[in-house]
């Protein structure tokens, strides 16, 4: 049995140092992907939403406590964007 096609209007993109590391179609998948990305050497501390009065794709950022690979720890900022697709991406379940 096949299901009908689903249309995706946008996706979440997470970036570190202006390089994309994770994309996801839902917020829950984004969190799962980021936690998996940092599973060995990092811990998610908090999320700071973007409270700008202007409409933009930047949604906010996460702060992760990570290993700096020099025997210490550092805080890493992970920027989160919501990107709209046009035309909408199609996929089948």
PDB file of N, CA and C in Angstrom:
ATOM      1  N   UNK A   1       0.829  -1.171   0.000  1.00  0.00           N
ATOM      2  CA  UNK A   1       0.000   0.000   0.000  1.00  0.00           C
ATOM      3  C   UNK A   1       0.883   1.248   0.000  1.00  0.00           C
ATOM      4  N   UNK A   2       0.595   2.161  -0.886  1.00  0.00           N
ATOM      5  CA  UNK A   2       1.358   3.402  -0.939  1.00  0.00           C
ATOM      6  C   UNK A   2       0.511   4.547  -0.407  1.00  0.00           C
ATOM      7  N   UNK A   3       1.180   5.501   0.176  1.00  0.00           N
ATOM      8  CA  UNK A   3       0.499   6.672   0.695  1.00  0.00           C
ATOM      9  C   UNK A   3       0.658   7.828  -0.289  1.00  0.00           C
ATOM     10  N   UNK A   4      -0.117   8.832  -0.109  1.00  0.00           N
ATOM     11  CA  UNK A   4      -0.041   9.990  -0.985  1.00  0.00           C
ATOM     12  C   UNK A   4       1.263  10.747  -0.761  1.00  0.00           C
ATOM     13  N   UNK A   5       1.615  11.557  -1.743  1.00  0.00           N
ATOM     14  CA  UNK A   5       2.821  12.362  -1.627  1.00  0.00           C
ATOM     15  C   UNK A   5       2.640  13.457  -0.587  1.00  0.00           C
ATOM     16  N   UNK A   6       3.726  13.794   0.043  1.00  0.00           N
ATOM     17  CA  UNK A   6       3.738  14.847   1.034  1.00  0.00           C
ATOM     18  C   UNK A   6       4.628  15.974   0.508  1.00  0.00           C
ATOM     19  N   UNK A   7       4.239  17.199   0.787  1.00  0.00           N
ATOM     20  CA  UNK A   7       5.012  18.351   0.342  1.00  0.00           C
ATOM     21  C   UNK A   7       5.674  19.018   1.533  1.00  0.00           C
ATOM     22  N   UNK A   8       6.949  19.302   1.385  1.00  0.00           N
ATOM     23  CA  UNK A   8       7.725  19.950   2.436  1.00  0.00           C
ATOM     24  C   UNK A   8       7.924  21.404   2.044  1.00  0.00           C
ATOM     25  N   UNK A   9       7.559  22.310   2.914  1.00  0.00           N
ATOM     26  CA  UNK A   9       7.703  23.725   2.612  1.00  0.00           C
ATOM     27  C   UNK A   9       9.030  24.293   3.099  1.00  0.00           C
ATOM     28  N   UNK A  10       9.642  23.642   4.049  1.00  0.00           N
ATOM     29  CA  UNK A  10      10.889  24.171   4.586  1.00  0.00           C
ATOM     30  C   UNK A  10      11.630  23.128   5.384  1.00  0.00           C
ATOM     31  N   UNK A  11      12.804  23.497   5.846  1.00  0.00           N
ATOM     32  CA  UNK A  11      13.609  22.603   6.654  1.00  0.00           C
ATOM     33  C   UNK A  11      14.436  23.421   7.642  1.00  0.00           C
ATOM     34  N   UNK A  12      14.883  22.764   8.683  1.00  0.00           N
ATOM     35  CA  UNK A  12      15.759  23.383   9.679  1.00  0.00           C
ATOM     36  C   UNK A  12      17.205  23.096   9.302  1.00  0.00           C
ATOM     37  N   UNK A  13      18.070  24.087   9.442  1.00  0.00           N
ATOM     38  CA  UNK A  13      19.493  23.933   9.148  1.00  0.00           C
ATOM     39  C   UNK A  13      20.271  24.424  10.360  1.00  0.00           C
ATOM     40  N   UNK A  14      21.209  23.601  10.837  1.00  0.00           N
ATOM     41  CA  UNK A  14      22.077  23.977  11.953  1.00  0.00           C
ATOM     42  C   UNK A  14      23.489  24.200  11.415  1.00  0.00           C
ATOM     43  N   UNK A  15      24.118  25.290  11.827  1.00  0.00           N
ATOM     44  CA  UNK A  15      25.455  25.654  11.360  1.00  0.00           C
ATOM     45  C   UNK A  15      26.388  25.897  12.536  1.00  0.00           C
ATOM     46  N   UNK A  16      27.635  25.487  12.347  1.00  0.00           N
ATOM     47  CA  UNK A  16      28.706  25.793  13.286  1.00  0.00           C
ATOM     48  C   UNK A  16      29.819  26.442  12.482  1.00  0.00           C
ATOM     49  N   UNK A  17      30.284  27.601  12.922  1.00  0.00           N
ATOM     50  CA  UNK A  17      31.321  28.358  12.217  1.00  0.00           C
ATOM     51  C   UNK A  17      30.945  28.572  10.745  1.00  0.00           C
ATOM     52  N   UNK A  18      29.670  28.901  10.501  1.00  0.00           N
ATOM     53  CA  UNK A  18      29.120  29.176   9.167  1.00  0.00           C
ATOM     54  C   UNK A  18      29.175  27.980   8.212  1.00  0.00           C
ATOM     55  N   UNK A  19      29.258  26.778   8.747  1.00  0.00           N
ATOM     56  CA  UNK A  19      29.228  25.551   7.950  1.00  0.00           C
ATOM     57  C   UNK A  19      28.034  24.716   8.394  1.00  0.00           C
ATOM     58  N   UNK A  20      27.153  24.326   7.467  1.00  0.00           N
ATOM     59  CA  UNK A  20      26.001  23.499   7.860  1.00  0.00           C
ATOM     60  C   UNK A  20      26.447  22.110   8.312  1.00  0.00           C
ATOM     61  N   UNK A  21      25.873  21.646   9.435  1.00  0.00           N
ATOM     62  CA  UNK A  21      26.226  20.316   9.951  1.00  0.00           C
ATOM     63  C   UNK A  21      25.021  19.384  10.004  1.00  0.00           C
ATOM     64  N   UNK A  22      23.807  19.939  10.155  1.00  0.00           N
ATOM     65  CA  UNK A  22      22.596  19.117  10.281  1.00  0.00           C
ATOM     66  C   UNK A  22      21.461  19.808   9.539  1.00  0.00           C
ATOM     67  N   UNK A  23      20.652  19.017   8.841  1.00  0.00           N
ATOM     68  CA  UNK A  23      19.372  19.502   8.325  1.00  0.00           C
ATOM     69  C   UNK A  23      18.296  18.537   8.788  1.00  0.00           C
ATOM     70  N   UNK A  24      17.090  19.059   8.996  1.00  0.00           N
ATOM     71  CA  UNK A  24      15.988  18.219   9.463  1.00  0.00           C
ATOM     72  C   UNK A  24      14.665  18.855   9.052  1.00  0.00           C
ATOM     73  N   UNK A  25      13.647  18.014   8.884  1.00  0.00           N
ATOM     74  CA  UNK A  25      12.332  18.509   8.489  1.00  0.00           C
ATOM     75  C   UNK A  25      11.473  18.908   9.685  1.00  0.00           C
ATOM     76  N   UNK A  26      11.812  18.427  10.875  1.00  0.00           N
ATOM     77  CA  UNK A  26      11.061  18.777  12.078  1.00  0.00           C
ATOM     78  C   UNK A  26      12.038  19.220  13.170  1.00  0.00           C
ATOM     79  N   UNK A  27      11.508  19.951  14.130  1.00  0.00           N
ATOM     80  CA  UNK A  27      12.323  20.414  15.258  1.00  0.00           C
ATOM     81  C   UNK A  27      12.859  19.240  16.072  1.00  0.00           C
ATOM     82  N   UNK A  28      12.029  18.224  16.261  1.00  0.00           N
ATOM     83  CA  UNK A  28      12.444  17.045  17.024  1.00  0.00           C
ATOM     84  C   UNK A  28      13.600  16.325  16.327  1.00  0.00           C
ATOM     85  N   UNK A  29      13.532  16.208  14.990  1.00  0.00           N
ATOM     86  CA  UNK A  29      14.624  15.584  14.250  1.00  0.00           C
ATOM     87  C   UNK A  29      15.903  16.423  14.330  1.00  0.00           C
ATOM     88  N   UNK A  30      15.755  17.734  14.337  1.00  0.00           N
ATOM     89  CA  UNK A  30      16.922  18.609  14.477  1.00  0.00           C
ATOM     90  C   UNK A  30      17.602  18.380  15.826  1.00  0.00           C
ATOM     91  N   UNK A  31      16.825  18.330  16.887  1.00  0.00           N
ATOM     92  CA  UNK A  31      17.393  18.090  18.222  1.00  0.00           C
ATOM     93  C   UNK A  31      18.069  16.727  18.288  1.00  0.00           C
ATOM     94  N   UNK A  32      17.428  15.706  17.734  1.00  0.00           N
ATOM     95  CA  UNK A  32      18.006  14.363  17.737  1.00  0.00           C
ATOM     96  C   UNK A  32      19.312  14.336  16.944  1.00  0.00           C
ATOM     97  N   UNK A  33      19.335  15.012  15.799  1.00  0.00           N
ATOM     98  CA  UNK A  33      20.546  15.049  14.984  1.00  0.00           C
ATOM     99  C   UNK A  33      21.683  15.779  15.666  1.00  0.00           C
ATOM    100  N   UNK A  34      21.385  16.909  16.300  1.00  0.00           N
ATOM    101  CA  UNK A  34      22.420  17.647  17.015  1.00  0.00           C
ATOM    102  C   UNK A  34      22.949  16.868  18.210  1.00  0.00           C
ATOM    103  N   UNK A  35      22.057  16.238  18.963  1.00  0.00           N
ATOM    104  CA  UNK A  35      22.504  15.436  20.108  1.00  0.00           C
ATOM    105  C   UNK A  35      23.362  14.265  19.657  1.00  0.00           C
ATOM    106  N   UNK A  36      23.026  13.679  18.501  1.00  0.00           N
ATOM    107  CA  UNK A  36      23.837  12.592  17.957  1.00  0.00           C
ATOM    108  C   UNK A  36      25.195  13.123  17.484  1.00  0.00           C
ATOM    109  N   UNK A  37      25.199  14.296  16.880  1.00  0.00           N
ATOM    110  CA  UNK A  37      26.445  14.915  16.399  1.00  0.00           C
ATOM    111  C   UNK A  37      27.412  15.184  17.558  1.00  0.00           C
ATOM    112  N   UNK A  38      26.883  15.612  18.692  1.00  0.00           N
ATOM    113  CA  UNK A  38      27.713  15.938  19.854  1.00  0.00           C
ATOM    114  C   UNK A  38      27.736  14.836  20.910  1.00  0.00           C
ATOM    115  N   UNK A  39      27.309  13.642  20.589  1.00  0.00           N
ATOM    116  CA  UNK A  39      27.115  12.611  21.606  1.00  0.00           C
ATOM    117  C   UNK A  39      28.381  12.221  22.352  1.00  0.00           C
ATOM    118  N   UNK A  40      29.521  12.227  21.720  1.00  0.00           N
ATOM    119  CA  UNK A  40      30.740  11.760  22.386  1.00  0.00           C
ATOM    120  C   UNK A  40      31.450  12.838  23.188  1.00  0.00           C
ATOM    121  N   UNK A  41      31.319  14.101  22.779  1.00  0.00           N
ATOM    122  CA  UNK A  41      32.125  15.113  23.445  1.00  0.00           C
ATOM    123  C   UNK A  41      31.375  16.405  23.739  1.00  0.00           C
ATOM    124  N   UNK A  42      30.052  16.373  23.730  1.00  0.00           N
ATOM    125  CA  UNK A  42      29.324  17.606  23.976  1.00  0.00           C
ATOM    126  C   UNK A  42      28.005  17.403  24.687  1.00  0.00           C
ATOM    127  N   UNK A  43      27.512  18.493  25.245  1.00  0.00           N
ATOM    128  CA  UNK A  43      26.230  18.475  25.947  1.00  0.00           C
ATOM    129  C   UNK A  43      25.484  19.765  25.628  1.00  0.00           C
ATOM    130  N   UNK A  44      24.209  19.617  25.239  1.00  0.00           N
ATOM    131  CA  UNK A  44      23.387  20.796  24.951  1.00  0.00           C
ATOM    132  C   UNK A  44      23.039  21.482  26.264  1.00  0.00           C
ATOM    133  N   UNK A  45      23.368  22.767  26.350  1.00  0.00           N
ATOM    134  CA  UNK A  45      23.096  23.513  27.572  1.00  0.00           C
ATOM    135  C   UNK A  45      21.779  24.278  27.485  1.00  0.00           C
ATOM    136  N   UNK A  46      21.581  25.014  26.386  1.00  0.00           N
ATOM    137  CA  UNK A  46      20.344  25.789  26.266  1.00  0.00           C
ATOM    138  C   UNK A  46      20.156  26.266  24.831  1.00  0.00           C
ATOM    139  N   UNK A  47      18.960  26.783  24.582  1.00  0.00           N
ATOM    140  CA  UNK A  47      18.604  27.367  23.289  1.00  0.00           C
ATOM    141  C   UNK A  47      18.204  28.816  23.516  1.00  0.00           C
ATOM    142  N   UNK A  48      18.750  29.721  22.723  1.00  0.00           N
ATOM    143  CA  UNK A  48      18.425  31.141  22.823  1.00  0.00           C
ATOM    144  C   UNK A  48      17.711  31.528  21.525  1.00  0.00           C
ATOM    145  N   UNK A  49      16.405  31.812  21.595  1.00  0.00           N
ATOM    146  CA  UNK A  49      15.666  32.163  20.380  1.00  0.00           C
ATOM    147  C   UNK A  49      16.003  33.565  19.895  1.00  0.00           C
ATOM    148  N   UNK A  50      15.820  33.779  18.609  1.00  0.00           N
ATOM    149  CA  UNK A  50      16.018  35.097  18.019  1.00  0.00           C
ATOM    150  C   UNK A  50      14.748  35.905  18.253  1.00  0.00           C
ATOM    151  N   UNK A  51      14.854  36.995  18.978  1.00  0.00           N
ATOM    152  CA  UNK A  51      13.690  37.828  19.284  1.00  0.00           C
ATOM    153  C   UNK A  51      13.693  39.117  18.471  1.00  0.00           C
ATOM    154  N   UNK A  52      14.183  39.041  17.256  1.00  0.00           N
ATOM    155  CA  UNK A  52      14.251  40.216  16.395  1.00  0.00           C
ATOM    156  C   UNK A  52      12.859  40.636  15.950  1.00  0.00           C
ATOM    157  N   UNK A  53      12.668  41.913  15.748  1.00  0.00           N
ATOM    158  CA  UNK A  53      11.385  42.401  15.256  1.00  0.00           C
ATOM    159  C   UNK A  53      11.257  42.215  13.753  1.00  0.00           C
ATOM    160  N   UNK A  54      12.350  41.841  13.090  1.00  0.00           N
ATOM    161  CA  UNK A  54      12.345  41.673  11.644  1.00  0.00           C
ATOM    162  C   UNK A  54      12.155  40.202  11.289  1.00  0.00           C
ATOM    163  N   UNK A  55      11.463  39.962  10.194  1.00  0.00           N
ATOM    164  CA  UNK A  55      11.252  38.591   9.728  1.00  0.00           C
ATOM    165  C   UNK A  55      12.526  38.141   9.017  1.00  0.00           C
ATOM    166  N   UNK A  56      13.089  37.062   9.492  1.00  0.00           N
ATOM    167  CA  UNK A  56      14.297  36.521   8.885  1.00  0.00           C
ATOM    168  C   UNK A  56      14.350  35.026   9.131  1.00  0.00           C
ATOM    169  N   UNK A  57      15.242  34.340   8.431  1.00  0.00           N
ATOM    170  CA  UNK A  57      15.311  32.892   8.552  1.00  0.00           C
ATOM    171  C   UNK A  57      16.076  32.438   9.793  1.00  0.00           C
ATOM    172  N   UNK A  58      16.865  33.331  10.415  1.00  0.00           N
ATOM    173  CA  UNK A  58      17.607  32.969  11.623  1.00  0.00           C
ATOM    174  C   UNK A  58      16.627  32.788  12.775  1.00  0.00           C
ATOM    175  N   UNK A  59      16.595  31.583  13.336  1.00  0.00           N
ATOM    176  CA  UNK A  59      15.627  31.260  14.378  1.00  0.00           C
ATOM    177  C   UNK A  59      16.204  31.409  15.780  1.00  0.00           C
ATOM    178  N   UNK A  60      17.497  31.194  15.928  1.00  0.00           N
ATOM    179  CA  UNK A  60      18.141  31.276  17.231  1.00  0.00           C
ATOM    180  C   UNK A  60      19.398  30.427  17.241  1.00  0.00           C
ATOM    181  N   UNK A  61      19.902  30.131  18.440  1.00  0.00           N
ATOM    182  CA  UNK A  61      21.109  29.300  18.507  1.00  0.00           C
ATOM    183  C   UNK A  61      21.132  28.480  19.791  1.00  0.00           C
ATOM    184  N   UNK A  62      21.834  27.353  19.698  1.00  0.00           N
ATOM    185  CA  UNK A  62      22.091  26.478  20.833  1.00  0.00           C
ATOM    186  C   UNK A  62      23.489  26.752  21.350  1.00  0.00           C
ATOM    187  N   UNK A  63      23.688  26.517  22.634  1.00  0.00           N
ATOM    188  CA  UNK A  63      25.009  26.535  23.246  1.00  0.00           C
ATOM    189  C   UNK A  63      25.317  25.102  23.676  1.00  0.00           C
ATOM    190  N   UNK A  64      26.443  24.576  23.172  1.00  0.00           N
ATOM    191  CA  UNK A  64      26.910  23.237  23.550  1.00  0.00           C
ATOM    192  C   UNK A  64      28.222  23.364  24.306  1.00  0.00           C
ATOM    193  N   UNK A  65      28.357  22.573  25.356  1.00  0.00           N
ATOM    194  CA  UNK A  65      29.611  22.454  26.093  1.00  0.00           C
ATOM    195  C   UNK A  65      30.372  21.306  25.450  1.00  0.00           C
ATOM    196  N   UNK A  66      31.519  21.600  24.811  1.00  0.00           N
ATOM    197  CA  UNK A  66      32.250  20.585  24.056  1.00  0.00           C
ATOM    198  C   UNK A  66      33.702  20.501  24.489  1.00  0.00           C
ATOM    199  N   UNK A  67      34.342  19.440  24.064  1.00  0.00           N
ATOM    200  CA  UNK A  67      35.763  19.229  24.300  1.00  0.00           C
ATOM    201  C   UNK A  67      36.551  20.126  23.347  1.00  0.00           C
ATOM    202  N   UNK A  68      37.552  20.823  23.844  1.00  0.00           N
ATOM    203  CA  UNK A  68      38.358  21.679  22.958  1.00  0.00           C
ATOM    204  C   UNK A  68      39.575  20.931  22.401  1.00  0.00           C
ATOM    205  N   UNK A  69      39.723  19.647  22.742  1.00  0.00           N
ATOM    206  CA  UNK A  69      40.810  18.777  22.274  1.00  0.00           C
ATOM    207  C   UNK A  69      42.191  19.262  22.700  1.00  0.00           C
ATOM    208  N   UNK A  70      42.235  20.081  23.742  1.00  0.00           N
ATOM    209  CA  UNK A  70      43.491  20.493  24.358  1.00  0.00           C
ATOM    210  C   UNK A  70      43.449  20.228  25.856  1.00  0.00           C
ATOM    211  N   UNK A  71      42.591  19.318  26.256  1.00  0.00           N
ATOM    212  CA  UNK A  71      42.469  18.984  27.665  1.00  0.00           C
ATOM    213  C   UNK A  71      41.464  19.830  28.420  1.00  0.00           C
ATOM    214  N   UNK A  72      40.717  20.658  27.732  1.00  0.00           N
ATOM    215  CA  UNK A  72      39.750  21.524  28.392  1.00  0.00           C
ATOM    216  C   UNK A  72      38.376  21.455  27.740  1.00  0.00           C
ATOM    217  N   UNK A  73      37.536  22.400  28.123  1.00  0.00           N
ATOM    218  CA  UNK A  73      36.175  22.479  27.589  1.00  0.00           C
ATOM    219  C   UNK A  73      35.972  23.854  26.971  1.00  0.00           C
ATOM    220  N   UNK A  74      35.032  23.945  26.014  1.00  0.00           N
ATOM    221  CA  UNK A  74      34.684  25.225  25.413  1.00  0.00           C
ATOM    222  C   UNK A  74      33.192  25.248  25.105  1.00  0.00           C
ATOM    223  N   UNK A  75      32.656  26.430  24.944  1.00  0.00           N
ATOM    224  CA  UNK A  75      31.257  26.589  24.548  1.00  0.00           C
ATOM    225  C   UNK A  75      31.208  26.809  23.051  1.00  0.00           C
ATOM    226  N   UNK A  76      30.370  26.024  22.377  1.00  0.00           N
ATOM    227  CA  UNK A  76      30.234  26.135  20.931  1.00  0.00           C
ATOM    228  C   UNK A  76      28.834  26.606  20.596  1.00  0.00           C
ATOM    229  N   UNK A  77      28.734  27.590  19.729  1.00  0.00           N
ATOM    230  CA  UNK A  77      27.446  28.145  19.311  1.00  0.00           C
ATOM    231  C   UNK A  77      27.008  27.452  18.020  1.00  0.00           C
ATOM    232  N   UNK A  78      25.764  26.958  18.017  1.00  0.00           N
ATOM    233  CA  UNK A  78      25.181  26.307  16.847  1.00  0.00           C
ATOM    234  C   UNK A  78      23.997  27.149  16.398  1.00  0.00           C
ATOM    235  N   UNK A  79      24.160  27.852  15.275  1.00  0.00           N
ATOM    236  CA  UNK A  79      23.092  28.698  14.735  1.00  0.00           C
ATOM    237  C   UNK A  79      22.041  27.848  14.039  1.00  0.00           C
ATOM    238  N   UNK A  80      20.764  28.226  14.204  1.00  0.00           N
ATOM    239  CA  UNK A  80      19.652  27.484  13.608  1.00  0.00           C
ATOM    240  C   UNK A  80      18.879  28.412  12.675  1.00  0.00           C
ATOM    241  N   UNK A  81      18.643  27.916  11.465  1.00  0.00           N
ATOM    242  CA  UNK A  81      17.893  28.655  10.451  1.00  0.00           C
ATOM    243  C   UNK A  81      16.722  27.815   9.983  1.00  0.00           C
ATOM    244  N   UNK A  82      15.653  28.467   9.585  1.00  0.00           N
ATOM    245  CA  UNK A  82      14.524  27.791   8.954  1.00  0.00           C
ATOM    246  C   UNK A  82      14.497  28.268   7.504  1.00  0.00           C
ATOM    247  N   UNK A  83      14.711  27.339   6.574  1.00  0.00           N
ATOM    248  CA  UNK A  83      14.832  27.662   5.167  1.00  0.00           C
ATOM    249  C   UNK A  83      13.571  27.206   4.438  1.00  0.00           C
ATOM    250  N   UNK A  84      12.978  28.115   3.670  1.00  0.00           N
ATOM    251  CA  UNK A  84      11.802  27.787   2.875  1.00  0.00           C
ATOM    252  C   UNK A  84      12.226  27.278   1.506  1.00  0.00           C
ATOM    253  N   UNK A  85      11.486  26.269   1.007  1.00  0.00           N
ATOM    254  CA  UNK A  85      11.734  25.730  -0.320  1.00  0.00           C
ATOM    255  C   UNK A  85      10.703  26.247  -1.304  1.00  0.00           C
ATOM    256  N   UNK A  86      11.141  26.522  -2.507  1.00  0.00           N
ATOM    257  CA  UNK A  86      10.205  26.794  -3.581  1.00  0.00           C
ATOM    258  C   UNK A  86      10.828  26.300  -4.875  1.00  0.00           C
ATOM    259  N   UNK A  87      10.193  25.489  -5.675  1.00  0.00           N
ATOM    260  CA  UNK A  87       8.901  24.865  -5.374  1.00  0.00           C
ATOM    261  C   UNK A  87       9.065  23.839  -4.260  1.00  0.00           C
ATOM    262  N   UNK A  88       7.974  23.496  -3.639  1.00  0.00           N
ATOM    263  CA  UNK A  88       8.006  22.601  -2.490  1.00  0.00           C
ATOM    264  C   UNK A  88       8.576  21.243  -2.869  1.00  0.00           C
ATOM    265  N   UNK A  89       9.397  20.682  -1.986  1.00  0.00           N
ATOM    266  CA  UNK A  89       9.987  19.381  -2.199  1.00  0.00           C
ATOM    267  C   UNK A  89       8.931  18.303  -1.996  1.00  0.00           C
ATOM    268  N   UNK A  90       8.948  17.286  -2.853  1.00  0.00           N
ATOM    269  CA  UNK A  90       7.978  16.194  -2.764  1.00  0.00           C
ATOM    270  C   UNK A  90       8.673  14.918  -2.325  1.00  0.00           C
ATOM    271  N   UNK A  91       8.003  14.152  -1.511  1.00  0.00           N
ATOM    272  CA  UNK A  91       8.503  12.835  -1.168  1.00  0.00           C
ATOM    273  C   UNK A  91       7.334  11.924  -0.870  1.00  0.00           C
ATOM    274  N   UNK A  92       7.592  10.597  -0.922  1.00  0.00           N
ATOM    275  CA  UNK A  92       6.534   9.624  -0.658  1.00  0.00           C
ATOM    276  C   UNK A  92       6.878   8.876   0.614  1.00  0.00           C
ATOM    277  N   UNK A  93       5.853   8.605   1.400  1.00  0.00           N
ATOM    278  CA  UNK A  93       6.034   7.834   2.625  1.00  0.00           C
ATOM    279  C   UNK A  93       6.019   6.348   2.307  1.00  0.00           C
TER     280      UNK A  93
END
